[in-house]
Amino acid sequence: MQVTLNLDEALLNEALKLTKLTTQEELLNLALQELVRSRRKKNLLDLAGQIQFVPNFDHKAMRETRYAAD
């Protein structure tokens, strides 16, 4: 996909130096991946305290049954 953007050239150059990437395309793809990863993490943190677990749930037994079918 081809897009025309007006970007801060100094910021772009600094980001290229910091990441040691060679193209603006690589840099923008990395920036988008980092943004998505960061937002997903934030969304998971927003769930903190809202999930209720079963008090007697045995997670170790669950692990054992997961590999029994292999």
PDB file of N, CA and C in Angstrom:
ATOM      1  N   MET A   1       0.844  -1.168   0.000  1.00  0.00           N
ATOM      2  CA  MET A   1       0.000   0.000   0.000  1.00  0.00           C
ATOM      3  C   MET A   1       0.893   1.236   0.000  1.00  0.00           C
ATOM      4  N   GLN A   2       0.592   2.145  -0.843  1.00  0.00           N
ATOM      5  CA  GLN A   2       1.395   3.357  -0.931  1.00  0.00           C
ATOM      6  C   GLN A   2       0.597   4.508  -0.329  1.00  0.00           C
ATOM      7  N   VAL A   3       1.253   5.256   0.583  1.00  0.00           N
ATOM      8  CA  VAL A   3       0.612   6.353   1.297  1.00  0.00           C
ATOM      9  C   VAL A   3       1.580   7.522   1.327  1.00  0.00           C
ATOM     10  N   THR A   4       1.066   8.724   1.200  1.00  0.00           N
ATOM     11  CA  THR A   4       1.895   9.918   1.328  1.00  0.00           C
ATOM     12  C   THR A   4       1.652  10.512   2.708  1.00  0.00           C
ATOM     13  N   LEU A   5       2.749  10.718   3.466  1.00  0.00           N
ATOM     14  CA  LEU A   5       2.644  11.245   4.827  1.00  0.00           C
ATOM     15  C   LEU A   5       3.580  12.428   5.005  1.00  0.00           C
ATOM     16  N   ASN A   6       3.184  13.353   5.847  1.00  0.00           N
ATOM     17  CA  ASN A   6       4.059  14.449   6.251  1.00  0.00           C
ATOM     18  C   ASN A   6       4.548  14.123   7.654  1.00  0.00           C
ATOM     19  N   LEU A   7       5.810  13.723   7.760  1.00  0.00           N
ATOM     20  CA  LEU A   7       6.372  13.307   9.041  1.00  0.00           C
ATOM     21  C   LEU A   7       7.472  14.268   9.473  1.00  0.00           C
ATOM     22  N   ASP A   8       7.670  14.361  10.776  1.00  0.00           N
ATOM     23  CA  ASP A   8       8.753  15.156  11.345  1.00  0.00           C
ATOM     24  C   ASP A   8      10.073  14.501  10.945  1.00  0.00           C
ATOM     25  N   GLU A   9      10.829  15.168  10.100  1.00  0.00           N
ATOM     26  CA  GLU A   9      12.048  14.575   9.552  1.00  0.00           C
ATOM     27  C   GLU A   9      13.094  14.303  10.631  1.00  0.00           C
ATOM     28  N   ALA A  10      13.221  15.197  11.600  1.00  0.00           N
ATOM     29  CA  ALA A  10      14.198  14.998  12.673  1.00  0.00           C
ATOM     30  C   ALA A  10      13.817  13.768  13.504  1.00  0.00           C
ATOM     31  N   LEU A  11      12.542  13.622  13.778  1.00  0.00           N
ATOM     32  CA  LEU A  11      12.062  12.464  14.544  1.00  0.00           C
ATOM     33  C   LEU A  11      12.279  11.181  13.751  1.00  0.00           C
ATOM     34  N   LEU A  12      12.010  11.237  12.479  1.00  0.00           N
ATOM     35  CA  LEU A  12      12.209  10.090  11.606  1.00  0.00           C
ATOM     36  C   LEU A  12      13.683   9.667  11.578  1.00  0.00           C
ATOM     37  N   ASN A  13      14.566  10.633  11.416  1.00  0.00           N
ATOM     38  CA  ASN A  13      16.002  10.335  11.390  1.00  0.00           C
ATOM     39  C   ASN A  13      16.497   9.782  12.721  1.00  0.00           C
ATOM     40  N   GLU A  14      16.016  10.342  13.818  1.00  0.00           N
ATOM     41  CA  GLU A  14      16.415   9.830  15.140  1.00  0.00           C
ATOM     42  C   GLU A  14      15.942   8.393  15.322  1.00  0.00           C
ATOM     43  N   ALA A  15      14.710   8.111  14.916  1.00  0.00           N
ATOM     44  CA  ALA A  15      14.169   6.756  15.031  1.00  0.00           C
ATOM     45  C   ALA A  15      14.964   5.776  14.171  1.00  0.00           C
ATOM     46  N   LEU A  16      15.356   6.191  12.985  1.00  0.00           N
ATOM     47  CA  LEU A  16      16.163   5.329  12.123  1.00  0.00           C
ATOM     48  C   LEU A  16      17.510   5.018  12.776  1.00  0.00           C
ATOM     49  N   LYS A  17      18.128   6.018  13.406  1.00  0.00           N
ATOM     50  CA  LYS A  17      19.413   5.802  14.075  1.00  0.00           C
ATOM     51  C   LYS A  17      19.254   4.858  15.268  1.00  0.00           C
ATOM     52  N   LEU A  18      18.213   5.084  16.057  1.00  0.00           N
ATOM     53  CA  LEU A  18      17.997   4.264  17.252  1.00  0.00           C
ATOM     54  C   LEU A  18      17.708   2.810  16.917  1.00  0.00           C
ATOM     55  N   THR A  19      16.977   2.590  15.859  1.00  0.00           N
ATOM     56  CA  THR A  19      16.580   1.221  15.513  1.00  0.00           C
ATOM     57  C   THR A  19      17.580   0.548  14.583  1.00  0.00           C
ATOM     58  N   LYS A  20      18.450   1.342  13.981  1.00  0.00           N
ATOM     59  CA  LYS A  20      19.418   0.834  12.999  1.00  0.00           C
ATOM     60  C   LYS A  20      18.733   0.197  11.787  1.00  0.00           C
ATOM     61  N   LEU A  21      17.518   0.622  11.531  1.00  0.00           N
ATOM     62  CA  LEU A  21      16.822   0.177  10.330  1.00  0.00           C
ATOM     63  C   LEU A  21      17.289   1.030   9.158  1.00  0.00           C
ATOM     64  N   THR A  22      17.111   0.530   7.959  1.00  0.00           N
ATOM     65  CA  THR A  22      17.643   1.247   6.808  1.00  0.00           C
ATOM     66  C   THR A  22      16.583   1.947   5.970  1.00  0.00           C
ATOM     67  N   THR A  23      15.326   1.533   6.110  1.00  0.00           N
ATOM     68  CA  THR A  23      14.294   2.171   5.287  1.00  0.00           C
ATOM     69  C   THR A  23      13.171   2.724   6.154  1.00  0.00           C
ATOM     70  N   GLN A  24      12.522   3.729   5.627  1.00  0.00           N
ATOM     71  CA  GLN A  24      11.381   4.319   6.329  1.00  0.00           C
ATOM     72  C   GLN A  24      10.225   3.314   6.413  1.00  0.00           C
ATOM     73  N   GLU A  25      10.103   2.482   5.408  1.00  0.00           N
ATOM     74  CA  GLU A  25       9.042   1.463   5.408  1.00  0.00           C
ATOM     75  C   GLU A  25       9.230   0.496   6.580  1.00  0.00           C
ATOM     76  N   GLU A  26      10.459   0.028   6.772  1.00  0.00           N
ATOM     77  CA  GLU A  26      10.743  -0.865   7.911  1.00  0.00           C
ATOM     78  C   GLU A  26      10.437  -0.164   9.228  1.00  0.00           C
ATOM     79  N   LEU A  27      10.836   1.106   9.309  1.00  0.00           N
ATOM     80  CA  LEU A  27      10.626   1.873  10.532  1.00  0.00           C
ATOM     81  C   LEU A  27       9.145   2.042  10.845  1.00  0.00           C
ATOM     82  N   LEU A  28       8.367   2.393   9.841  1.00  0.00           N
ATOM     83  CA  LEU A  28       6.930   2.587  10.071  1.00  0.00           C
ATOM     84  C   LEU A  28       6.233   1.275  10.415  1.00  0.00           C
ATOM     85  N   ASN A  29       6.646   0.178   9.793  1.00  0.00           N
ATOM     86  CA  ASN A  29       6.066  -1.120  10.147  1.00  0.00           C
ATOM     87  C   ASN A  29       6.401  -1.475  11.594  1.00  0.00           C
ATOM     88  N   LEU A  30       7.649  -1.236  12.003  1.00  0.00           N
ATOM     89  CA  LEU A  30       8.040  -1.492  13.391  1.00  0.00           C
ATOM     90  C   LEU A  30       7.238  -0.611  14.346  1.00  0.00           C
ATOM     91  N   ALA A  31       7.097   0.653  13.998  1.00  0.00           N
ATOM     92  CA  ALA A  31       6.348   1.581  14.855  1.00  0.00           C
ATOM     93  C   ALA A  31       4.900   1.122  15.022  1.00  0.00           C
ATOM     94  N   LEU A  32       4.283   0.675  13.943  1.00  0.00           N
ATOM     95  CA  LEU A  32       2.903   0.196  14.028  1.00  0.00           C
ATOM     96  C   LEU A  32       2.804  -1.079  14.864  1.00  0.00           C
ATOM     97  N   GLN A  33       3.778  -1.990  14.700  1.00  0.00           N
ATOM     98  CA  GLN A  33       3.788  -3.217  15.505  1.00  0.00           C
ATOM     99  C   GLN A  33       3.925  -2.885  16.991  1.00  0.00           C
ATOM    100  N   GLU A  34       4.817  -1.943  17.309  1.00  0.00           N
ATOM    101  CA  GLU A  34       5.016  -1.541  18.699  1.00  0.00           C
ATOM    102  C   GLU A  34       3.763  -0.890  19.275  1.00  0.00           C
ATOM    103  N   LEU A  35       3.089  -0.076  18.476  1.00  0.00           N
ATOM    104  CA  LEU A  35       1.850   0.563  18.922  1.00  0.00           C
ATOM    105  C   LEU A  35       0.783  -0.481  19.222  1.00  0.00           C
ATOM    106  N   VAL A  36       0.611  -1.430  18.320  1.00  0.00           N
ATOM    107  CA  VAL A  36      -0.396  -2.479  18.515  1.00  0.00           C
ATOM    108  C   VAL A  36      -0.059  -3.303  19.757  1.00  0.00           C
ATOM    109  N   ARG A  37       1.203  -3.700  19.908  1.00  0.00           N
ATOM    110  CA  ARG A  37       1.627  -4.486  21.071  1.00  0.00           C
ATOM    111  C   ARG A  37       1.377  -3.722  22.368  1.00  0.00           C
ATOM    112  N   SER A  38       1.709  -2.449  22.354  1.00  0.00           N
ATOM    113  CA  SER A  38       1.534  -1.611  23.539  1.00  0.00           C
ATOM    114  C   SER A  38       0.052  -1.476  23.912  1.00  0.00           C
ATOM    115  N   ARG A  39      -0.791  -1.254  22.927  1.00  0.00           N
ATOM    116  CA  ARG A  39      -2.232  -1.090  23.192  1.00  0.00           C
ATOM    117  C   ARG A  39      -2.851  -2.402  23.669  1.00  0.00           C
ATOM    118  N   ARG A  40      -2.409  -3.525  23.098  1.00  0.00           N
ATOM    119  CA  ARG A  40      -2.942  -4.816  23.551  1.00  0.00           C
ATOM    120  C   ARG A  40      -2.572  -5.059  25.008  1.00  0.00           C
ATOM    121  N   LYS A  41      -1.335  -4.711  25.365  1.00  0.00           N
ATOM    122  CA  LYS A  41      -0.900  -4.860  26.759  1.00  0.00           C
ATOM    123  C   LYS A  41      -1.745  -3.996  27.673  1.00  0.00           C
ATOM    124  N   LYS A  42      -1.982  -2.756  27.254  1.00  0.00           N
ATOM    125  CA  LYS A  42      -2.783  -1.841  28.059  1.00  0.00           C
ATOM    126  C   LYS A  42      -4.191  -2.390  28.244  1.00  0.00           C
ATOM    127  N   ASN A  43      -4.755  -2.927  27.166  1.00  0.00           N
ATOM    128  CA  ASN A  43      -6.103  -3.486  27.260  1.00  0.00           C
ATOM    129  C   ASN A  43      -6.139  -4.664  28.227  1.00  0.00           C
ATOM    130  N   LEU A  44      -5.090  -5.477  28.255  1.00  0.00           N
ATOM    131  CA  LEU A  44      -5.033  -6.585  29.208  1.00  0.00           C
ATOM    132  C   LEU A  44      -4.918  -6.061  30.638  1.00  0.00           C
ATOM    133  N   LEU A  45      -4.122  -5.011  30.832  1.00  0.00           N
ATOM    134  CA  LEU A  45      -3.977  -4.439  32.170  1.00  0.00           C
ATOM    135  C   LEU A  45      -5.288  -3.836  32.660  1.00  0.00           C
ATOM    136  N   ASP A  46      -6.109  -3.341  31.734  1.00  0.00           N
ATOM    137  CA  ASP A  46      -7.420  -2.792  32.114  1.00  0.00           C
ATOM    138  C   ASP A  46      -8.323  -3.866  32.704  1.00  0.00           C
ATOM    139  N   LEU A  47      -8.058  -5.142  32.377  1.00  0.00           N
ATOM    140  CA  LEU A  47      -8.863  -6.245  32.899  1.00  0.00           C
ATOM    141  C   LEU A  47      -8.459  -6.650  34.315  1.00  0.00           C
ATOM    142  N   ALA A  48      -7.336  -6.136  34.791  1.00  0.00           N
ATOM    143  CA  ALA A  48      -6.828  -6.518  36.106  1.00  0.00           C
ATOM    144  C   ALA A  48      -7.907  -6.313  37.172  1.00  0.00           C
ATOM    145  N   GLY A  49      -8.118  -7.342  37.967  1.00  0.00           N
ATOM    146  CA  GLY A  49      -9.099  -7.275  39.040  1.00  0.00           C
ATOM    147  C   GLY A  49     -10.520  -7.560  38.602  1.00  0.00           C
ATOM    148  N   GLN A  50     -10.755  -7.738  37.322  1.00  0.00           N
ATOM    149  CA  GLN A  50     -12.109  -7.977  36.838  1.00  0.00           C
ATOM    150  C   GLN A  50     -12.386  -9.446  36.550  1.00  0.00           C
ATOM    151  N   ILE A  51     -11.347 -10.267  36.547  1.00  0.00           N
ATOM    152  CA  ILE A  51     -11.514 -11.685  36.266  1.00  0.00           C
ATOM    153  C   ILE A  51     -11.546 -12.436  37.584  1.00  0.00           C
ATOM    154  N   GLN A  52     -12.546 -13.278  37.752  1.00  0.00           N
ATOM    155  CA  GLN A  52     -12.669 -14.045  38.986  1.00  0.00           C
ATOM    156  C   GLN A  52     -12.349 -15.501  38.683  1.00  0.00           C
ATOM    157  N   PHE A  53     -11.450 -16.048  39.448  1.00  0.00           N
ATOM    158  CA  PHE A  53     -11.033 -17.429  39.261  1.00  0.00           C
ATOM    159  C   PHE A  53     -11.764 -18.345  40.225  1.00  0.00           C
ATOM    160  N   VAL A  54     -11.919 -19.594  39.823  1.00  0.00           N
ATOM    161  CA  VAL A  54     -12.512 -20.602  40.688  1.00  0.00           C
ATOM    162  C   VAL A  54     -11.496 -20.899  41.791  1.00  0.00           C
ATOM    163  N   PRO A  55     -11.871 -20.828  43.052  1.00  0.00           N
ATOM    164  CA  PRO A  55     -10.907 -20.976  44.146  1.00  0.00           C
ATOM    165  C   PRO A  55     -10.147 -22.299  44.147  1.00  0.00           C
ATOM    166  N   ASN A  56     -10.785 -23.401  43.751  1.00  0.00           N
ATOM    167  CA  ASN A  56     -10.117 -24.702  43.820  1.00  0.00           C
ATOM    168  C   ASN A  56      -9.631 -25.192  42.457  1.00  0.00           C
ATOM    169  N   PHE A  57      -9.454 -24.317  41.516  1.00  0.00           N
ATOM    170  CA  PHE A  57      -8.998 -24.693  40.175  1.00  0.00           C
ATOM    171  C   PHE A  57      -7.561 -25.204  40.236  1.00  0.00           C
ATOM    172  N   ASP A  58      -7.316 -26.368  39.634  1.00  0.00           N
ATOM    173  CA  ASP A  58      -5.992 -26.988  39.663  1.00  0.00           C
ATOM    174  C   ASP A  58      -5.333 -26.820  38.295  1.00  0.00           C
ATOM    175  N   HIS A  59      -4.534 -25.765  38.143  1.00  0.00           N
ATOM    176  CA  HIS A  59      -3.921 -25.485  36.859  1.00  0.00           C
ATOM    177  C   HIS A  59      -2.883 -26.541  36.473  1.00  0.00           C
ATOM    178  N   LYS A  60      -2.268 -27.189  37.453  1.00  0.00           N
ATOM    179  CA  LYS A  60      -1.281 -28.232  37.155  1.00  0.00           C
ATOM    180  C   LYS A  60      -1.954 -29.456  36.535  1.00  0.00           C
ATOM    181  N   ALA A  61      -3.106 -29.814  37.025  1.00  0.00           N
ATOM    182  CA  ALA A  61      -3.850 -30.945  36.461  1.00  0.00           C
ATOM    183  C   ALA A  61      -4.280 -30.624  35.031  1.00  0.00           C
ATOM    184  N   MET A  62      -4.623 -29.386  34.782  1.00  0.00           N
ATOM    185  CA  MET A  62      -5.028 -28.967  33.449  1.00  0.00           C
ATOM    186  C   MET A  62      -3.852 -29.124  32.477  1.00  0.00           C
ATOM    187  N   ARG A  63      -2.646 -28.787  32.912  1.00  0.00           N
ATOM    188  CA  ARG A  63      -1.455 -28.943  32.077  1.00  0.00           C
ATOM    189  C   ARG A  63      -1.234 -30.405  31.721  1.00  0.00           C
ATOM    190  N   GLU A  64      -1.415 -31.294  32.691  1.00  0.00           N
ATOM    191  CA  GLU A  64      -1.189 -32.720  32.473  1.00  0.00           C
ATOM    192  C   GLU A  64      -2.175 -33.281  31.453  1.00  0.00           C
ATOM    193  N   THR A  65      -3.417 -32.854  31.483  1.00  0.00           N
ATOM    194  CA  THR A  65      -4.415 -33.377  30.543  1.00  0.00           C
ATOM    195  C   THR A  65      -4.215 -32.806  29.152  1.00  0.00           C
ATOM    196  N   ARG A  66      -3.618 -31.633  29.030  1.00  0.00           N
ATOM    197  CA  ARG A  66      -3.396 -31.026  27.730  1.00  0.00           C
ATOM    198  C   ARG A  66      -2.461 -31.863  26.871  1.00  0.00           C
ATOM    199  N   TYR A  67      -1.449 -32.449  27.476  1.00  0.00           N
ATOM    200  CA  TYR A  67      -0.451 -33.224  26.721  1.00  0.00           C
ATOM    201  C   TYR A  67      -0.742 -34.715  26.693  1.00  0.00           C
ATOM    202  N   ALA A  68      -1.768 -35.172  27.378  1.00  0.00           N
ATOM    203  CA  ALA A  68      -2.097 -36.592  27.422  1.00  0.00           C
ATOM    204  C   ALA A  68      -2.541 -37.108  26.052  1.00  0.00           C
ATOM    205  N   ALA A  69      -3.147 -36.262  25.236  1.00  0.00           N
ATOM    206  CA  ALA A  69      -3.674 -36.694  23.935  1.00  0.00           C
ATOM    207  C   ALA A  69      -2.579 -36.820  22.867  1.00  0.00           C
ATOM    208  N   ASP A  70      -1.386 -36.295  23.124  1.00  0.00           N
ATOM    209  CA  ASP A  70      -0.300 -36.338  22.126  1.00  0.00           C
ATOM    210  C   ASP A  70       0.257 -37.700  21.894  1.00  0.00           C
TER     211      ASP A  70
END
